[in-house]
Every structure is written in structure tokens, then in C-alpha cells.
Amino acid sequence: MGEKKSDLLSTLWTIKEAYVKATGDGISFGLERIEAVLEDESMAVWRVTVDGKDIRERGWTWTMGSIESYQYAVVWRGEDGSHETEVERVAWVDFVEVFIGSRT
């Protein structure tokens, strides 16, 4: 049960943090204003609302995933109103290399 709660907290935090970063509002925006509606037991985010309105109605969309055991969320607004984008998935070692440089 503890691991499931930890995963749930990580999912909720990650999507909320991604939204306030994407909008430029930051944490002071009020995370309680953002609701992540989960699909089912899989804990996949089905809908994200702010002040009760679906963020897709405002042109925002998102994707979530994980690299090894770390979750990530990306929130963006399509320039042409499209929600279509391609997210490149990278290996953990390639991701970390961006921050610490190559170890070769």
C-alpha cells in the first residue's frame, strides 16, 4: 500500500509541476487549483483541469512516462492548436549525460 501511495503522489506532483512550469506561473499558482483525474488503477492521467476547466480546452496537452524508476511529465501548448507532437524517449544514461557530461 505504501508503494502505491508513493507512486500516486509522484504522478500527481509531476503533472501539476509540469503544468505550472509550462505556463510560467510557478508553484505559487496554487497546486490545489489543478486536478489530475486518473484513468483507473493504472494511475494514468486521463484529464487535467485547472479551476474546473480541462486544460485541453485552453490549448494545453501533456504526456507522461518514466525513465527507469523516475517519472516525468511534459506539458505544452501547440502553436497551431494541434495536440500532436512527438516525444523522443531516451535511455537513462543519455539523459544523465546532459547534466554530468560524458564519462568516456
N, C-alpha and C. Protein backbone atom coordinates (compact mmCIF):
# COMPACT_ATOMS: atom_id res chain seq x y z
N MET A 1 0.82 -1.21 0.00
CA MET A 1 0.00 0.00 0.00
C MET A 1 0.86 1.27 0.00
N GLY A 2 1.97 1.25 0.73
CA GLY A 2 2.84 2.41 0.80
C GLY A 2 3.44 2.77 -0.54
N GLU A 3 3.84 1.75 -1.32
CA GLU A 3 4.42 2.00 -2.64
C GLU A 3 3.39 2.59 -3.59
N LYS A 4 2.15 2.13 -3.49
CA LYS A 4 1.09 2.65 -4.35
C LYS A 4 0.82 4.12 -4.03
N LYS A 5 0.82 4.47 -2.74
CA LYS A 5 0.62 5.87 -2.34
C LYS A 5 1.77 6.74 -2.84
N SER A 6 2.98 6.20 -2.75
CA SER A 6 4.15 6.93 -3.22
C SER A 6 4.07 7.17 -4.73
N ASP A 7 3.66 6.16 -5.47
CA ASP A 7 3.50 6.29 -6.92
C ASP A 7 2.41 7.31 -7.26
N LEU A 8 1.33 7.29 -6.52
CA LEU A 8 0.23 8.23 -6.75
C LEU A 8 0.70 9.67 -6.49
N LEU A 9 1.40 9.88 -5.38
CA LEU A 9 1.91 11.21 -5.07
C LEU A 9 2.85 11.69 -6.16
N SER A 10 3.72 10.81 -6.63
CA SER A 10 4.67 11.17 -7.68
C SER A 10 3.93 11.55 -8.97
N THR A 11 2.91 10.80 -9.32
CA THR A 11 2.11 11.09 -10.52
C THR A 11 1.45 12.46 -10.41
N LEU A 12 0.79 12.71 -9.29
CA LEU A 12 0.07 13.97 -9.11
C LEU A 12 1.03 15.16 -9.08
N TRP A 13 2.12 15.01 -8.33
CA TRP A 13 3.10 16.10 -8.23
C TRP A 13 3.70 16.39 -9.61
N THR A 14 4.07 15.36 -10.33
CA THR A 14 4.76 15.52 -11.60
C THR A 14 3.91 16.27 -12.62
N ILE A 15 2.63 15.92 -12.74
CA ILE A 15 1.78 16.59 -13.73
C ILE A 15 1.47 18.02 -13.31
N LYS A 16 1.26 18.24 -12.03
CA LYS A 16 0.97 19.60 -11.56
C LYS A 16 2.19 20.50 -11.72
N GLU A 17 3.36 19.98 -11.37
CA GLU A 17 4.59 20.76 -11.53
C GLU A 17 4.85 21.08 -13.00
N ALA A 18 4.62 20.11 -13.87
CA ALA A 18 4.83 20.33 -15.30
C ALA A 18 3.92 21.44 -15.82
N TYR A 19 2.67 21.45 -15.34
CA TYR A 19 1.73 22.48 -15.80
C TYR A 19 2.18 23.87 -15.38
N VAL A 20 2.53 24.05 -14.11
CA VAL A 20 2.90 25.39 -13.65
C VAL A 20 4.22 25.85 -14.26
N LYS A 21 5.08 24.91 -14.61
CA LYS A 21 6.32 25.28 -15.32
C LYS A 21 6.00 25.70 -16.74
N ALA A 22 5.12 24.96 -17.41
CA ALA A 22 4.77 25.26 -18.80
C ALA A 22 4.10 26.63 -18.92
N THR A 23 3.25 26.96 -17.97
CA THR A 23 2.54 28.24 -18.03
C THR A 23 3.40 29.39 -17.53
N GLY A 24 4.48 29.06 -16.82
CA GLY A 24 5.36 30.09 -16.27
C GLY A 24 4.88 30.65 -14.95
N ASP A 25 3.82 30.08 -14.40
CA ASP A 25 3.25 30.59 -13.16
C ASP A 25 4.02 30.17 -11.92
N GLY A 26 4.62 29.01 -11.94
CA GLY A 26 5.35 28.52 -10.77
C GLY A 26 4.41 27.99 -9.70
N ILE A 27 5.00 27.44 -8.66
CA ILE A 27 4.27 26.78 -7.58
C ILE A 27 3.29 27.74 -6.88
N SER A 28 3.61 29.03 -6.86
CA SER A 28 2.71 29.98 -6.18
C SER A 28 1.35 30.08 -6.86
N PHE A 29 1.20 29.51 -8.06
CA PHE A 29 -0.08 29.49 -8.77
C PHE A 29 -1.16 28.84 -7.91
N GLY A 30 -0.74 27.82 -7.14
CA GLY A 30 -1.69 27.10 -6.28
C GLY A 30 -1.97 25.71 -6.83
N LEU A 31 -1.22 24.74 -6.37
CA LEU A 31 -1.38 23.37 -6.87
C LEU A 31 -2.77 22.81 -6.60
N GLU A 32 -3.46 23.34 -5.60
CA GLU A 32 -4.81 22.87 -5.29
C GLU A 32 -5.80 23.24 -6.39
N ARG A 33 -5.43 24.18 -7.25
CA ARG A 33 -6.30 24.59 -8.36
C ARG A 33 -6.25 23.59 -9.51
N ILE A 34 -5.24 22.72 -9.49
CA ILE A 34 -5.02 21.76 -10.57
C ILE A 34 -5.47 20.39 -10.10
N GLU A 35 -6.32 19.76 -10.90
CA GLU A 35 -6.78 18.41 -10.58
C GLU A 35 -6.38 17.47 -11.70
N ALA A 36 -5.75 16.38 -11.30
CA ALA A 36 -5.41 15.32 -12.26
C ALA A 36 -6.39 14.19 -12.04
N VAL A 37 -7.19 13.92 -13.05
CA VAL A 37 -8.18 12.85 -12.98
C VAL A 37 -7.52 11.59 -13.53
N LEU A 38 -7.47 10.56 -12.71
CA LEU A 38 -6.79 9.34 -13.10
C LEU A 38 -7.73 8.39 -13.82
N GLU A 39 -7.16 7.66 -14.77
CA GLU A 39 -7.92 6.74 -15.62
C GLU A 39 -8.54 5.61 -14.82
N ASP A 40 -7.74 4.91 -14.07
CA ASP A 40 -8.19 3.75 -13.33
C ASP A 40 -7.06 3.31 -12.40
N GLU A 41 -7.00 2.04 -12.10
CA GLU A 41 -5.96 1.52 -11.24
C GLU A 41 -4.56 1.70 -11.81
N SER A 42 -4.44 1.94 -13.12
CA SER A 42 -3.13 2.12 -13.73
C SER A 42 -2.50 3.45 -13.32
N MET A 43 -3.30 4.34 -12.77
CA MET A 43 -2.89 5.67 -12.34
C MET A 43 -2.42 6.54 -13.50
N ALA A 44 -2.86 6.23 -14.71
CA ALA A 44 -2.56 7.09 -15.85
C ALA A 44 -3.44 8.34 -15.76
N VAL A 45 -2.88 9.48 -16.09
CA VAL A 45 -3.64 10.73 -16.03
C VAL A 45 -4.53 10.80 -17.27
N TRP A 46 -5.83 10.85 -17.04
CA TRP A 46 -6.81 10.87 -18.11
C TRP A 46 -7.19 12.31 -18.49
N ARG A 47 -7.27 13.16 -17.48
CA ARG A 47 -7.69 14.55 -17.71
C ARG A 47 -7.01 15.43 -16.68
N VAL A 48 -6.67 16.64 -17.07
CA VAL A 48 -6.10 17.63 -16.15
C VAL A 48 -6.99 18.86 -16.23
N THR A 49 -7.45 19.32 -15.08
CA THR A 49 -8.28 20.51 -15.04
C THR A 49 -7.63 21.58 -14.17
N VAL A 50 -7.91 22.82 -14.51
CA VAL A 50 -7.49 23.96 -13.69
C VAL A 50 -8.74 24.77 -13.43
N ASP A 51 -9.02 24.98 -12.16
CA ASP A 51 -10.23 25.70 -11.76
C ASP A 51 -11.47 25.08 -12.41
N GLY A 52 -11.45 23.75 -12.55
CA GLY A 52 -12.59 23.01 -13.07
C GLY A 52 -12.67 22.90 -14.59
N LYS A 53 -11.75 23.56 -15.33
CA LYS A 53 -11.80 23.51 -16.80
C LYS A 53 -10.66 22.65 -17.32
N ASP A 54 -10.98 21.79 -18.27
CA ASP A 54 -10.00 20.91 -18.89
C ASP A 54 -8.93 21.76 -19.58
N ILE A 55 -7.66 21.48 -19.32
CA ILE A 55 -6.59 22.29 -19.91
C ILE A 55 -6.53 22.15 -21.42
N ARG A 56 -7.09 21.06 -21.96
CA ARG A 56 -7.10 20.90 -23.42
C ARG A 56 -7.99 21.95 -24.08
N GLU A 57 -9.00 22.43 -23.35
CA GLU A 57 -9.87 23.49 -23.87
C GLU A 57 -9.10 24.80 -24.03
N ARG A 58 -7.99 24.92 -23.30
CA ARG A 58 -7.16 26.13 -23.36
C ARG A 58 -5.94 25.91 -24.27
N GLY A 59 -5.92 24.78 -24.98
CA GLY A 59 -4.84 24.52 -25.92
C GLY A 59 -3.66 23.74 -25.36
N TRP A 60 -3.72 23.34 -24.10
CA TRP A 60 -2.61 22.61 -23.47
C TRP A 60 -2.83 21.11 -23.61
N THR A 61 -1.76 20.38 -23.65
CA THR A 61 -1.81 18.92 -23.62
C THR A 61 -0.59 18.42 -22.86
N TRP A 62 -0.50 17.13 -22.67
CA TRP A 62 0.59 16.58 -21.87
C TRP A 62 0.89 15.15 -22.28
N THR A 63 2.05 14.72 -21.83
CA THR A 63 2.41 13.32 -21.89
C THR A 63 3.19 13.01 -20.62
N MET A 64 3.12 11.78 -20.20
CA MET A 64 3.85 11.34 -19.01
C MET A 64 4.54 10.03 -19.31
N GLY A 65 5.57 9.75 -18.57
CA GLY A 65 6.29 8.50 -18.74
C GLY A 65 7.31 8.33 -17.64
N SER A 66 8.22 7.43 -17.85
CA SER A 66 9.28 7.22 -16.87
C SER A 66 10.57 6.84 -17.58
N ILE A 67 11.65 7.20 -16.94
CA ILE A 67 12.97 6.78 -17.35
C ILE A 67 13.51 6.01 -16.16
N GLU A 68 13.65 4.71 -16.33
CA GLU A 68 13.94 3.79 -15.24
C GLU A 68 12.84 3.98 -14.19
N SER A 69 13.17 4.34 -12.96
CA SER A 69 12.14 4.47 -11.93
C SER A 69 11.71 5.92 -11.70
N TYR A 70 12.14 6.85 -12.55
CA TYR A 70 11.83 8.26 -12.38
C TYR A 70 10.73 8.67 -13.35
N GLN A 71 9.70 9.31 -12.81
CA GLN A 71 8.59 9.77 -13.65
C GLN A 71 8.88 11.14 -14.22
N TYR A 72 8.30 11.41 -15.38
CA TYR A 72 8.37 12.75 -15.95
C TYR A 72 7.01 13.09 -16.54
N ALA A 73 6.79 14.38 -16.68
CA ALA A 73 5.60 14.89 -17.37
C ALA A 73 6.04 16.08 -18.21
N VAL A 74 5.47 16.20 -19.37
CA VAL A 74 5.73 17.33 -20.26
C VAL A 74 4.36 17.92 -20.62
N VAL A 75 4.23 19.22 -20.43
CA VAL A 75 3.00 19.93 -20.78
C VAL A 75 3.38 20.99 -21.80
N TRP A 76 2.60 21.11 -22.87
CA TRP A 76 2.89 22.09 -23.89
C TRP A 76 1.61 22.59 -24.53
N ARG A 77 1.75 23.72 -25.21
CA ARG A 77 0.64 24.29 -25.98
C ARG A 77 1.08 24.30 -27.44
N GLY A 78 0.30 23.65 -28.28
CA GLY A 78 0.64 23.59 -29.71
C GLY A 78 0.47 24.94 -30.36
N GLU A 79 1.43 25.31 -31.19
CA GLU A 79 1.38 26.61 -31.87
C GLU A 79 0.20 26.72 -32.81
N ASP A 80 -0.17 25.60 -33.43
CA ASP A 80 -1.27 25.64 -34.39
C ASP A 80 -2.57 25.09 -33.80
N GLY A 81 -2.59 24.93 -32.48
CA GLY A 81 -3.77 24.39 -31.84
C GLY A 81 -3.80 22.87 -31.84
N SER A 82 -2.81 22.28 -32.47
CA SER A 82 -2.74 20.83 -32.56
C SER A 82 -2.16 20.25 -31.27
N HIS A 83 -2.67 19.11 -30.88
CA HIS A 83 -2.16 18.41 -29.72
C HIS A 83 -1.14 17.35 -30.13
N GLU A 84 -0.88 17.29 -31.43
CA GLU A 84 0.04 16.28 -31.94
C GLU A 84 1.48 16.74 -31.76
N THR A 85 2.31 15.88 -31.22
CA THR A 85 3.74 16.12 -31.13
C THR A 85 4.42 14.78 -30.95
N GLU A 86 5.67 14.77 -31.18
CA GLU A 86 6.43 13.54 -31.00
C GLU A 86 7.40 13.75 -29.85
N VAL A 87 7.34 12.91 -28.85
CA VAL A 87 8.23 12.99 -27.71
C VAL A 87 9.29 11.91 -27.88
N GLU A 88 10.53 12.33 -27.91
CA GLU A 88 11.62 11.38 -28.08
C GLU A 88 11.95 10.74 -26.73
N ARG A 89 11.94 9.44 -26.68
CA ARG A 89 12.28 8.70 -25.47
C ARG A 89 13.77 8.39 -25.53
N VAL A 90 14.46 8.63 -24.42
CA VAL A 90 15.90 8.41 -24.37
C VAL A 90 16.25 7.46 -23.24
N ALA A 91 17.38 6.83 -23.37
CA ALA A 91 17.88 5.94 -22.31
C ALA A 91 18.37 6.78 -21.14
N TRP A 92 18.32 6.21 -19.96
CA TRP A 92 18.73 6.92 -18.75
C TRP A 92 20.14 7.48 -18.88
N VAL A 93 21.08 6.70 -19.37
CA VAL A 93 22.47 7.13 -19.47
C VAL A 93 22.59 8.35 -20.40
N ASP A 94 21.81 8.39 -21.46
CA ASP A 94 21.82 9.53 -22.37
C ASP A 94 21.20 10.76 -21.73
N PHE A 95 20.17 10.56 -20.94
CA PHE A 95 19.52 11.67 -20.24
C PHE A 95 20.47 12.29 -19.22
N VAL A 96 21.11 11.46 -18.41
CA VAL A 96 22.01 11.94 -17.36
C VAL A 96 23.23 12.63 -17.96
N GLU A 97 23.68 12.18 -19.11
CA GLU A 97 24.84 12.77 -19.76
C GLU A 97 24.67 14.27 -20.02
N VAL A 98 23.45 14.70 -20.26
CA VAL A 98 23.16 16.11 -20.46
C VAL A 98 23.58 16.93 -19.24
N PHE A 99 23.46 16.37 -18.06
CA PHE A 99 23.73 17.08 -16.83
C PHE A 99 25.16 16.92 -16.32
N ILE A 100 25.73 15.74 -16.53
CA ILE A 100 27.06 15.49 -15.95
C ILE A 100 28.14 15.33 -17.00
N GLY A 101 27.78 15.32 -18.26
CA GLY A 101 28.75 15.16 -19.33
C GLY A 101 29.08 13.70 -19.57
N SER A 102 29.79 13.47 -20.62
CA SER A 102 30.16 12.10 -20.99
C SER A 102 31.24 11.59 -20.04
N ARG A 103 31.14 10.34 -19.71
CA ARG A 103 32.13 9.72 -18.82
C ARG A 103 33.13 8.86 -19.58
N THR A 104 33.25 9.09 -20.87
CA THR A 104 34.18 8.29 -21.66
C THR A 104 35.52 8.95 -21.76
